[in-house]
Protein backbone atom coordinates (compact mmCIF):
# COMPACT_ATOMS: atom_id res chain seq x y z
CA MET A 1 -126.37 -95.80 -70.74
CA ILE A 2 -123.32 -98.20 -70.77
CA PHE A 3 -119.90 -97.98 -69.74
CA VAL A 4 -116.84 -99.58 -72.12
CA THR A 5 -113.49 -99.52 -70.70
CA GLY A 6 -110.32 -99.66 -73.21
CA ALA A 7 -112.60 -98.71 -76.10
CA ALA A 8 -109.45 -96.53 -77.63
CA GLY A 9 -107.99 -100.21 -78.29
CA PHE A 10 -108.73 -102.25 -81.37
CA ILE A 11 -111.64 -104.35 -80.43
CA GLY A 12 -113.34 -101.58 -78.06
CA ALA A 13 -113.00 -98.90 -80.84
CA ASN A 14 -114.72 -101.58 -83.18
CA PHE A 15 -117.43 -102.43 -80.44
CA VAL A 16 -118.22 -98.86 -80.06
CA HIS A 17 -118.72 -98.17 -83.79
CA HIS A 18 -121.02 -101.35 -83.95
CA TRP A 19 -122.86 -100.41 -81.24
CA LEU A 20 -123.63 -96.58 -82.24
CA ALA A 21 -124.32 -97.88 -85.48
CA SER A 22 -127.08 -100.13 -84.32
CA ARG A 23 -128.57 -98.54 -81.52
CA ASP A 24 -129.75 -95.34 -80.17
CA GLU A 25 -128.23 -95.90 -76.45
CA PRO A 26 -125.84 -93.68 -75.38
CA LEU A 27 -121.99 -94.92 -74.06
CA LEU A 28 -118.89 -93.31 -71.90
CA VAL A 29 -115.76 -94.48 -72.82
CA LEU A 30 -113.10 -95.02 -69.98
CA ASP A 31 -109.57 -95.37 -71.52
CA ALA A 32 -106.05 -94.60 -69.73
CA LEU A 33 -104.73 -94.33 -73.45
CA THR A 34 -101.77 -96.30 -72.90
CA TYR A 35 -99.61 -96.81 -76.18
CA ALA A 36 -102.24 -99.08 -77.62
CA GLY A 37 -105.15 -96.39 -76.99
CA ASN A 38 -105.57 -94.33 -80.06
CA LEU A 39 -108.18 -91.70 -79.98
CA GLU A 40 -108.12 -91.43 -83.76
CA SER A 41 -109.80 -94.85 -83.87
CA LEU A 42 -112.86 -92.95 -82.46
CA ALA A 43 -112.24 -89.48 -83.92
CA ASP A 44 -115.52 -89.90 -86.07
CA LEU A 45 -117.65 -90.15 -83.10
CA ARG A 46 -116.61 -86.93 -81.11
CA GLY A 47 -119.90 -85.01 -82.46
CA ASP A 48 -122.31 -87.56 -81.89
CA PRO A 49 -124.11 -86.77 -78.36
CA ARG A 50 -124.01 -90.48 -77.53
CA PHE A 51 -120.73 -90.70 -77.23
CA GLY A 52 -118.91 -89.67 -74.22
CA PHE A 53 -115.02 -89.98 -73.29
CA GLU A 54 -113.23 -90.13 -69.93
CA ARG A 55 -109.49 -90.32 -69.67
CA VAL A 56 -109.29 -92.67 -66.86
CA ASP A 57 -106.94 -95.52 -65.53
CA ILE A 58 -109.27 -98.42 -64.48
CA CYS A 59 -106.89 -99.14 -61.62
CA ASP A 60 -108.08 -95.50 -60.23
CA ARG A 61 -111.20 -97.07 -58.47
CA ALA A 62 -112.02 -93.72 -57.12
CA THR A 63 -112.80 -92.12 -60.38
CA VAL A 64 -114.71 -95.06 -61.73
CA ALA A 65 -116.65 -95.06 -58.74
CA ALA A 66 -117.38 -91.38 -59.04
CA LEU A 67 -118.21 -91.87 -62.82
CA LEU A 68 -120.83 -94.47 -61.96
CA ALA A 69 -122.52 -92.86 -59.37
CA ARG A 70 -122.67 -89.68 -62.03
CA HIS A 71 -123.94 -91.43 -65.22
CA GLN A 72 -125.72 -94.35 -63.59
CA PRO A 73 -124.81 -96.92 -66.10
CA ARG A 74 -127.16 -100.24 -66.80
CA ALA A 75 -123.88 -102.11 -67.39
CA LEU A 76 -119.88 -101.85 -67.71
CA LEU A 77 -118.20 -103.74 -70.43
CA HIS A 78 -114.34 -104.56 -69.77
CA PHE A 79 -112.24 -104.58 -72.82
CA ALA A 80 -109.31 -102.95 -71.30
CA ALA A 81 -106.35 -104.88 -71.23
CA GLU A 82 -102.56 -105.23 -71.97
CA SER A 83 -102.84 -107.84 -74.78
CA HIS A 84 -99.33 -108.51 -77.02
CA VAL A 85 -97.87 -111.59 -75.64
CA ASP A 86 -94.50 -110.34 -76.94
CA ARG A 87 -94.63 -107.32 -74.58
CA SER A 88 -95.64 -109.42 -71.63
CA ILE A 89 -92.87 -111.81 -72.26
CA ASP A 90 -90.58 -108.86 -71.82
CA GLY A 91 -92.20 -106.96 -69.05
CA PRO A 92 -95.00 -108.70 -67.22
CA GLY A 93 -95.63 -106.39 -64.52
CA ALA A 94 -97.65 -104.17 -66.83
CA PHE A 95 -99.78 -107.00 -67.70
CA VAL A 96 -99.99 -107.87 -63.69
CA ARG A 97 -101.18 -104.31 -62.80
CA THR A 98 -103.53 -103.65 -65.81
CA ASN A 99 -105.04 -107.26 -66.53
CA ILE A 100 -105.41 -108.42 -62.62
CA GLN A 101 -105.46 -105.54 -60.49
CA GLY A 102 -107.55 -103.21 -62.80
CA THR A 103 -109.99 -106.04 -63.19
CA PHE A 104 -110.25 -106.26 -59.36
CA GLU A 105 -110.58 -102.52 -59.02
CA LEU A 106 -113.24 -102.17 -61.77
CA LEU A 107 -115.25 -105.54 -60.01
CA GLU A 108 -115.01 -103.59 -56.56
CA ALA A 109 -116.22 -100.15 -58.10
CA ALA A 110 -119.19 -102.11 -59.76
CA ARG A 111 -119.93 -104.22 -56.70
CA ALA A 112 -120.30 -101.00 -54.57
CA TYR A 113 -122.03 -99.18 -57.47
CA ARG A 114 -124.53 -101.74 -57.67
CA ALA A 115 -125.29 -102.09 -54.02
CA GLY A 116 -126.50 -98.53 -53.90
CA LEU A 117 -129.02 -99.02 -56.70
CA ALA A 118 -133.02 -99.60 -56.35
CA ALA A 119 -133.94 -103.30 -56.58
CA PRO A 120 -135.04 -103.38 -60.47
CA ASP A 121 -131.69 -101.46 -61.49
CA ALA A 122 -129.48 -103.64 -59.43
CA ALA A 123 -131.21 -106.87 -60.48
CA ALA A 124 -130.50 -105.63 -64.43
CA PHE A 125 -126.90 -104.53 -63.87
CA ARG A 126 -124.50 -106.39 -65.81
CA PHE A 127 -120.67 -106.57 -65.53
CA LEU A 128 -119.39 -108.10 -69.14
CA HIS A 129 -115.69 -109.19 -69.03
CA VAL A 130 -114.14 -109.68 -72.53
CA SER A 131 -111.32 -112.36 -71.99
CA THR A 132 -109.47 -114.68 -74.64
CA ASP A 133 -108.85 -118.05 -75.76
CA GLU A 134 -105.37 -117.97 -74.62
CA VAL A 135 -106.24 -118.72 -71.14
CA PHE A 136 -107.11 -122.40 -72.55
CA GLY A 137 -103.20 -122.73 -73.27
CA SER A 138 -102.27 -125.23 -76.26
CA LEU A 139 -103.90 -127.65 -78.73
CA GLY A 140 -102.56 -130.53 -80.25
CA PRO A 141 -103.18 -131.11 -84.25
CA ASP A 142 -105.84 -133.70 -83.03
CA ASP A 143 -107.23 -132.13 -79.99
CA ALA A 144 -111.11 -130.88 -79.94
CA PRO A 145 -111.33 -127.13 -79.70
CA PHE A 146 -111.43 -125.29 -76.97
CA ARG A 147 -115.17 -124.95 -75.16
CA GLU A 148 -116.37 -123.31 -71.87
CA THR A 149 -115.55 -126.19 -69.53
CA THR A 150 -111.92 -126.60 -70.96
CA PRO A 151 -109.47 -126.31 -67.98
CA TYR A 152 -107.59 -123.31 -68.11
CA ALA A 153 -103.73 -123.57 -68.74
CA PRO A 154 -102.31 -120.48 -69.65
CA ASN A 155 -98.94 -120.34 -71.14
CA SER A 156 -97.45 -116.96 -71.36
CA PRO A 157 -97.45 -113.85 -68.86
CA TYR A 158 -100.36 -112.11 -70.86
CA ALA A 159 -102.60 -115.35 -70.76
CA ALA A 160 -101.90 -116.07 -67.20
CA SER A 161 -102.76 -112.45 -66.44
CA LYS A 162 -106.06 -112.89 -68.15
CA ALA A 163 -106.71 -115.99 -66.81
CA ALA A 164 -106.59 -114.47 -63.31
CA SER A 165 -109.10 -111.68 -64.45
CA ASP A 166 -111.33 -114.45 -65.56
CA HIS A 167 -111.16 -116.17 -62.06
CA LEU A 168 -111.70 -112.88 -60.46
CA VAL A 169 -114.78 -111.85 -62.35
CA ARG A 170 -116.03 -115.49 -61.21
CA ALA A 171 -115.60 -115.05 -58.04
CA TRP A 172 -117.28 -111.70 -57.68
CA HIS A 173 -120.22 -113.38 -59.02
CA HIS A 174 -120.33 -116.34 -56.63
CA THR A 175 -119.09 -114.45 -53.56
CA TYR A 176 -120.78 -111.43 -53.84
CA GLY A 177 -124.07 -112.08 -56.35
CA LEU A 178 -122.31 -109.70 -59.01
CA PRO A 179 -124.14 -110.36 -62.22
CA VAL A 180 -121.12 -111.02 -64.64
CA LEU A 181 -120.55 -112.23 -68.16
CA THR A 182 -117.40 -113.62 -69.35
CA THR A 183 -116.61 -113.99 -73.08
CA ASN A 184 -113.51 -115.94 -74.50
CA CYS A 185 -112.69 -115.05 -78.00
CA SER A 186 -110.30 -116.17 -80.70
CA ASN A 187 -107.82 -114.08 -82.58
CA ASN A 188 -109.64 -110.92 -83.88
CA TYR A 189 -108.74 -109.18 -87.00
CA GLY A 190 -110.17 -106.32 -88.87
CA PRO A 191 -109.82 -102.18 -88.66
CA TYR A 192 -107.87 -100.02 -86.14
CA GLN A 193 -106.01 -103.04 -84.88
CA PHE A 194 -102.45 -101.86 -83.80
CA PRO A 195 -99.65 -102.66 -86.40
CA GLU A 196 -97.72 -104.59 -83.90
CA LYS A 197 -100.09 -107.48 -84.16
CA LEU A 198 -99.78 -110.25 -87.22
CA ILE A 199 -102.39 -108.92 -90.02
CA PRO A 200 -101.46 -105.49 -89.68
CA LEU A 201 -97.89 -105.61 -89.32
CA MET A 202 -97.15 -108.02 -92.32
CA ILE A 203 -99.20 -105.17 -94.38
CA HIS A 204 -97.15 -102.50 -93.48
CA HIS A 205 -93.68 -104.75 -93.73
CA ALA A 206 -94.64 -105.47 -97.23
CA LEU A 207 -95.79 -102.30 -98.49
CA ALA A 208 -92.38 -101.02 -96.73
CA GLY A 209 -90.51 -103.70 -98.28
CA LYS A 210 -89.30 -104.98 -95.33
CA ALA A 211 -88.92 -108.66 -94.49
CA LEU A 212 -92.12 -110.40 -93.59
CA PRO A 213 -91.05 -112.32 -90.33
CA VAL A 214 -92.65 -115.51 -89.49
CA TYR A 215 -91.95 -117.01 -86.53
CA GLY A 216 -90.47 -120.80 -86.17
CA ASP A 217 -91.91 -122.93 -89.10
CA GLY A 218 -95.07 -121.08 -89.39
CA ALA A 219 -97.15 -123.86 -88.40
CA ASN A 220 -98.80 -122.34 -85.51
CA VAL A 221 -102.58 -122.76 -86.09
CA ARG A 222 -105.09 -119.88 -85.17
CA ASP A 223 -108.71 -119.56 -85.04
CA TRP A 224 -109.53 -115.98 -86.67
CA LEU A 225 -112.78 -114.11 -85.79
CA TYR A 226 -113.68 -110.92 -88.12
CA VAL A 227 -113.88 -107.99 -85.26
CA GLU A 228 -117.52 -106.86 -86.53
CA ASP A 229 -118.59 -110.73 -86.00
CA HIS A 230 -117.02 -110.63 -82.10
CA CYS A 231 -118.84 -107.15 -81.39
CA ARG A 232 -122.40 -108.53 -82.53
CA ALA A 233 -121.29 -111.44 -79.92
CA ILE A 234 -120.68 -109.31 -76.85
CA ALA A 235 -123.67 -107.09 -77.88
CA ARG A 236 -125.87 -110.39 -77.68
CA VAL A 237 -124.27 -111.75 -74.73
CA LEU A 238 -125.08 -108.24 -72.63
CA GLU A 239 -128.61 -108.53 -74.24
CA ALA A 240 -129.68 -112.22 -73.23
CA GLY A 241 -126.32 -114.23 -71.64
CA GLN A 242 -127.38 -115.42 -68.30
CA PRO A 243 -125.34 -113.92 -65.18
CA GLY A 244 -122.34 -116.04 -64.22
CA GLU A 245 -121.74 -117.74 -67.46
CA THR A 246 -119.39 -118.04 -69.90
CA TYR A 247 -119.42 -117.64 -73.62
CA CYS A 248 -116.87 -118.72 -75.86
CA VAL A 249 -116.73 -116.80 -79.09
CA GLY A 250 -114.87 -118.15 -82.36
CA GLY A 251 -114.76 -117.84 -86.14
CA ARG A 252 -114.49 -121.41 -87.12
CA ASN A 253 -111.43 -120.15 -89.87
CA GLU A 254 -108.31 -122.04 -88.57
CA VAL A 255 -105.42 -121.05 -90.28
CA ARG A 256 -101.47 -121.70 -90.15
CA ASN A 257 -99.81 -118.43 -89.86
CA ILE A 258 -97.66 -119.12 -92.86
CA ASP A 259 -100.74 -119.43 -94.68
CA LEU A 260 -102.29 -116.49 -93.46
CA VAL A 261 -98.97 -114.53 -94.69
CA ARG A 262 -99.33 -116.26 -98.22
CA GLU A 263 -103.03 -115.18 -98.55
CA LEU A 264 -101.93 -111.94 -97.22
CA CYS A 265 -99.25 -111.30 -100.02
CA GLY A 266 -101.54 -112.59 -102.54
CA LEU A 267 -104.26 -109.69 -101.81
CA LEU A 268 -101.38 -107.22 -102.08
CA ASP A 269 -100.09 -108.54 -105.05
CA ARG A 270 -103.86 -108.11 -106.78
CA LEU A 271 -104.69 -104.80 -104.74
CA ARG A 272 -101.18 -102.80 -104.51
CA PRO A 273 -98.87 -104.75 -106.79
CA ARG A 274 -95.17 -104.52 -106.22
CA ALA A 275 -93.48 -101.78 -108.58
CA ASP A 276 -90.99 -104.45 -109.75
CA GLY A 277 -93.78 -107.10 -110.53
CA ALA A 278 -92.62 -109.56 -108.02
CA SER A 279 -94.79 -111.00 -105.27
CA TYR A 280 -94.84 -109.95 -101.62
CA ALA A 281 -94.15 -113.82 -100.66
CA GLU A 282 -90.67 -112.97 -101.80
CA GLN A 283 -90.37 -111.30 -98.34
CA ILE A 284 -91.31 -113.86 -96.19
CA THR A 285 -88.60 -114.55 -93.48
CA PHE A 286 -88.37 -117.56 -90.91
CA VAL A 287 -87.31 -116.18 -87.44
CA THR A 288 -86.54 -117.62 -84.28
CA ASP A 289 -89.73 -118.61 -82.40
CA ARG A 290 -91.36 -116.90 -79.75
CA LEU A 291 -90.39 -117.90 -76.19
CA GLY A 292 -93.35 -120.51 -75.25
CA HIS A 293 -95.23 -120.05 -78.55
CA ASP A 294 -98.59 -121.83 -77.99
CA ARG A 295 -98.86 -124.28 -81.13
CA ARG A 296 -102.58 -124.26 -81.63
CA TYR A 297 -105.87 -122.28 -80.83
CA ALA A 298 -109.47 -123.16 -81.74
CA ILE A 299 -112.91 -122.22 -80.48
CA ASP A 300 -116.29 -124.51 -80.24
CA CYS A 301 -119.22 -121.91 -80.15
CA THR A 302 -121.81 -124.27 -80.18
CA ARG A 303 -122.88 -122.72 -76.87
CA ILE A 304 -123.79 -119.17 -77.75
CA GLN A 305 -124.90 -120.23 -81.16
CA ARG A 306 -127.34 -122.71 -79.27
CA ASP A 307 -128.49 -120.59 -76.61
CA LEU A 308 -128.08 -117.03 -77.95
CA GLY A 309 -128.68 -117.34 -81.65
CA TRP A 310 -125.32 -115.90 -83.01
CA GLU A 311 -122.82 -117.39 -85.36
CA PRO A 312 -119.86 -115.68 -87.07
CA ARG A 313 -121.32 -114.13 -90.52
CA VAL A 314 -117.94 -113.07 -92.33
CA ASP A 315 -116.06 -116.25 -94.05
CA PHE A 316 -112.22 -115.88 -93.76
CA ALA A 317 -111.60 -114.82 -97.47
CA THR A 318 -114.21 -112.25 -96.84
CA GLY A 319 -113.02 -110.43 -93.82
CA LEU A 320 -109.47 -110.24 -95.01
CA GLU A 321 -110.06 -108.79 -98.17
CA ARG A 322 -111.95 -106.21 -95.96
CA THR A 323 -109.00 -105.65 -93.62
CA VAL A 324 -106.49 -105.44 -96.45
CA ARG A 325 -108.63 -102.77 -98.17
CA TRP A 326 -109.01 -100.97 -94.94
CA TYR A 327 -105.60 -100.39 -94.10
CA LEU A 328 -104.69 -99.84 -97.52
CA GLU A 329 -107.12 -96.87 -97.70
CA HIS A 330 -106.23 -95.64 -94.05
CA GLY A 331 -102.56 -95.30 -94.73
CA GLU A 332 -102.69 -91.86 -92.64
CA TRP A 333 -104.10 -94.02 -89.55
CA VAL A 334 -101.26 -96.32 -89.60
CA GLU A 335 -98.53 -93.79 -90.43
CA HIS A 336 -99.75 -91.45 -87.17
CA VAL A 337 -99.26 -95.08 -85.08
CA LEU A 338 -96.13 -95.99 -86.54
CA SER A 339 -94.56 -92.10 -86.33
CA GLY A 340 -96.42 -91.95 -82.52
CA SER A 341 -98.32 -88.75 -83.36
CA TYR A 342 -101.52 -90.35 -82.38
CA ARG A 343 -100.10 -89.90 -78.89
CA ASP A 344 -100.26 -86.18 -79.48
CA ALA A 345 -104.47 -86.37 -79.65
CA SER A 346 -104.06 -88.71 -76.55
CA HIS A 347 -101.61 -86.53 -74.49
CA ALA A 348 -104.37 -83.66 -75.27
CA ALA A 349 -107.27 -85.67 -74.17
C-alpha cells in the first residue's frame, strides 16, 4: 500500500487514477478537503477495494501517525499543497501553514513510523515530495532551462513556501537518513484542474461569454506538461529513483501565455463555436500584470530521461485538445466547482 496526500486536488487525483489503472497495489488518500479538494474528482473510484480515503489535515501529525501505524504503507507520496500564486499574494499565511508546517509534520510522522519498521521494510520505505519549478525563480529569454542544480530563487509567497518544503525534505534525508525523493515539475494541464488556473479558467470564461483576462503583455512563457505524463514520471521516480535525489520533470513545451490563449480559442472555435460565428479570440482582454510575475519557466528533464528512462509522450497540441474536450464533456463537474456544490460532498466525507 501507498499513501497519497492531497489526492482530491488536480495532480493528486490524476495520479490516483493513473496508479489504479496501471497497478493492483492499493492506496489511501489523505486530504483535508480545502477549497481545492474535490471528492467528485475521485467519485468513480469509491467502489474500488484498492481505493481508500481519510479526511485529515497533514498538520495533524498524531492522526497521520496513527494511520501510518494502522496501514503500514511502503511509501508516502506528498502532493498536498496550497498552489495558486494569486491566492498566495493575497493570503500567504495558508501557504506557510500547509506547505511548510504540513510538510514538516509529515516528515516527522514518516520518520517515527520508519524507525519502528523492521530492517527490510525500513530500507524500502520512500517519502516522495512533489514540488514545482517555481522554486527556481524566473528565466530570461536566452537562459538555459532549470535543472536539478539550478540555485533556488523563489519570487512569490507560494514559490517561497514550496522552496522551504523542498529544503526540509532534503534536510530530513541528510540529517536523519529518511529515504526521500523530490520532483520539481513544470506547469501541469489536463482533467480535474480547479477553474482558477489558466486553462480551465479561459475555457469557462470563453463559453460564458466573459472576457479572457491575460496578464500584462501576455509574453510570459511557461513549460506545459500534460498531467498524465507527470503521473508516469512520479510513479517511475518512486519505482527507481535514488533516495536523496531530485528529478526535474518538464513537458518541453515552452509557450507564451497569449499564444496558449489564442490556441484555446481556436480549439473552442472548432469544437464549440460561438452562436454568432465570431471567434472566442475577440474576448481576449489584457489586464494589469500580477505582482512579481515571473517571466519564463522551462525545465531540462535530461536527468530523469537518462537515469530513469522517462520522457513526455503527449505533445502540446494533442494534450491541449484532450483537455478542452474533457472540460466540454464534463460541464457538470465544472459547474459544481463554480457553484460551490462540490463542497457538499466534501463536508459529508
